[in-house]
Protein backbone atom coordinates (compact mmCIF):
# COMPACT_ATOMS: atom_id res chain seq x y z
CA MET A 1 -4.64 17.47 46.60
CA SER A 2 -3.33 15.61 43.57
CA LYS A 3 -3.58 17.01 40.09
CA LYS A 4 -5.70 15.13 37.56
CA LEU A 5 -4.29 14.02 34.24
CA ASN A 6 -5.33 16.62 31.71
CA LEU A 7 -5.53 14.97 28.30
CA ASN A 8 -5.36 18.37 26.66
CA LYS A 9 -1.82 18.74 28.02
CA ILE A 10 -0.52 15.67 26.20
CA LYS A 11 0.29 17.44 22.96
CA SER A 12 3.78 16.06 22.72
CA ILE A 13 6.16 13.42 24.01
CA ALA A 14 9.72 13.84 25.21
CA PHE A 15 12.23 11.05 24.66
CA ILE A 16 15.39 10.66 26.73
CA ALA A 17 17.62 7.62 27.01
CA HIS A 18 20.84 6.99 28.83
CA ASP A 19 23.67 5.71 26.63
CA ASN A 20 23.13 1.99 27.10
CA LYS A 21 19.33 2.37 26.72
CA LYS A 22 19.26 4.38 23.48
CA TYR A 23 18.84 1.40 21.16
CA GLU A 24 16.19 -0.10 23.41
CA LEU A 25 14.23 3.17 23.15
CA LEU A 26 14.84 3.31 19.40
CA GLU A 27 13.48 -0.22 19.00
CA TRP A 28 10.41 0.76 21.03
CA VAL A 29 9.87 3.86 18.88
CA LYS A 30 10.10 1.80 15.68
CA MET A 31 7.55 -0.70 17.03
CA ASN A 32 5.13 2.12 17.87
CA LEU A 33 5.62 4.45 14.88
CA GLU A 34 1.97 4.40 13.86
CA LYS A 35 0.85 5.41 17.34
CA ILE A 36 3.27 8.34 17.70
CA GLU A 37 3.81 9.60 14.15
CA ASN A 38 1.29 12.45 14.49
CA ILE A 39 2.45 13.61 17.91
CA LYS A 40 5.01 16.37 18.40
CA ILE A 41 8.26 14.84 19.64
CA TYR A 42 11.04 16.41 21.66
CA ALA A 43 14.24 14.63 22.63
CA THR A 44 17.63 15.27 24.06
CA ASN A 45 20.24 15.70 21.34
CA THR A 46 21.87 12.29 20.88
CA THR A 47 18.63 10.38 21.46
CA GLY A 48 16.72 12.68 19.10
CA ASN A 49 19.29 12.46 16.33
CA LEU A 50 19.32 8.67 16.61
CA ILE A 51 15.53 8.54 16.29
CA LYS A 52 15.61 10.98 13.34
CA SER A 53 18.29 9.00 11.52
CA GLU A 54 16.50 5.67 11.94
CA THR A 55 12.89 6.78 11.35
CA GLU A 56 11.04 9.42 9.37
CA LEU A 57 9.84 11.15 12.53
CA ASP A 58 10.26 14.88 12.89
CA VAL A 59 12.06 15.25 16.22
CA ILE A 60 12.85 18.55 17.89
CA CYS A 61 16.31 17.98 19.33
CA LEU A 62 17.26 19.91 22.43
CA LYS A 63 20.68 19.96 24.09
CA SER A 64 22.21 16.74 25.34
CA GLY A 65 21.28 15.85 28.90
CA LEU A 66 24.76 16.65 30.12
CA LEU A 67 24.56 20.15 28.61
CA GLY A 68 21.10 21.04 29.94
CA GLY A 69 18.70 19.03 27.78
CA ASP A 70 17.01 17.47 30.81
CA GLN A 71 16.44 20.98 32.18
CA GLN A 72 15.02 22.13 28.84
CA ILE A 73 12.54 19.26 28.89
CA ALA A 74 11.63 20.08 32.51
CA SER A 75 10.98 23.68 31.48
CA LYS A 76 8.69 22.54 28.66
CA ILE A 77 6.78 20.33 31.12
CA ILE A 78 6.32 23.34 33.41
CA ASP A 79 5.06 25.39 30.45
CA GLY A 80 2.57 22.64 29.51
CA GLU A 81 4.29 21.89 26.20
CA ILE A 82 5.18 18.29 27.09
CA GLY A 83 2.63 15.95 28.60
CA LEU A 84 4.34 12.57 28.36
CA LEU A 85 7.91 11.59 29.20
CA MET A 86 9.60 8.45 27.89
CA PHE A 87 12.86 8.33 29.84
CA PHE A 88 14.69 5.04 29.47
CA TRP A 89 17.31 5.38 32.19
CA ASP A 90 19.84 3.07 33.73
CA PRO A 91 19.37 3.04 37.51
CA LEU A 92 22.64 1.13 37.99
CA LYS A 93 24.88 3.65 36.25
CA SER A 94 25.56 7.10 37.62
CA VAL A 95 25.70 10.06 35.27
CA PRO A 96 27.57 13.32 35.84
CA HIS A 97 24.35 15.31 35.57
CA ASP A 98 22.43 13.16 38.07
CA CYS A 99 21.06 16.24 39.86
CA ASP A 100 19.43 17.38 36.58
CA VAL A 101 17.91 13.93 36.07
CA LYS A 102 16.44 13.93 39.58
CA SER A 103 15.14 17.45 39.12
CA LEU A 104 13.41 16.42 35.88
CA MET A 105 11.83 13.44 37.64
CA ARG A 106 10.56 15.68 40.45
CA ILE A 107 9.11 18.22 38.03
CA ALA A 108 7.40 15.59 35.87
CA THR A 109 5.95 13.96 38.97
CA HIS A 110 4.80 17.29 40.42
CA TYR A 111 3.05 18.23 37.16
CA ASN A 112 1.44 14.78 36.98
CA VAL A 113 3.11 13.92 33.68
CA PRO A 114 3.09 10.19 32.92
CA ILE A 115 6.66 8.84 32.84
CA ALA A 116 7.93 5.59 31.36
CA TYR A 117 11.29 4.65 32.80
CA ASN A 118 11.48 1.39 30.87
CA ARG A 119 9.98 -0.50 27.95
CA THR A 120 7.31 -2.25 29.98
CA THR A 121 5.96 1.01 31.38
CA ALA A 122 6.08 2.60 27.92
CA ASP A 123 4.04 -0.33 26.58
CA PHE A 124 1.46 0.12 29.33
CA ILE A 125 1.14 3.85 28.63
CA ILE A 126 0.84 3.56 24.86
CA SER A 127 -1.68 0.71 25.10
CA SER A 128 -3.86 2.63 27.58
CA PRO A 129 -7.32 3.66 26.37
CA LEU A 130 -6.38 7.19 27.46
CA PHE A 131 -3.50 7.23 24.98
CA LYS A 132 -5.70 5.76 22.25
CA GLU A 133 -8.10 8.67 22.68
CA LEU A 134 -5.20 11.00 21.94
CA THR A 135 -4.28 9.22 18.73
CA SER A 136 -7.78 9.48 17.30
CA GLU A 137 -9.33 12.50 15.60
CA ASN A 138 -9.25 14.32 18.95
CA LEU A 139 -5.47 14.51 18.69
CA CYS A 140 -5.67 16.60 15.53
CA ASN A 141 -7.77 19.13 17.43
CA LEU A 142 -5.33 19.15 20.33
CA LEU A 143 -2.35 19.88 18.10
CA GLN A 144 -3.94 22.91 16.44
């Protein structure tokens, strides 16, 4: 039995990007500032600090992925604190913490959290009518 998407769970977004995808994610964030500016944002350390330095967004920076940041995000998904994952990853480059990345993907999938692995998927998610409902007045109620 699959779990249904619970709009009340999407109170925040987590951003992760592998090294050669960080600026692609940053460009996407800048293009969608108005749609995400009122949503709580988590990110792994380097990605989060890059977003903070280039935008006025308030980003909660966790540890870097290599030092457990992916696991921290997975834990927040399990606890219902994160309901959307934007993870721009490079499938052609291996990372030393690959087992953590795969674990995060399994947890997000199990908890039915929408995941964008690239810019095109992120565009589809943010342009969805379901996302638009979250950015309306209903979002203010969800965040309280």
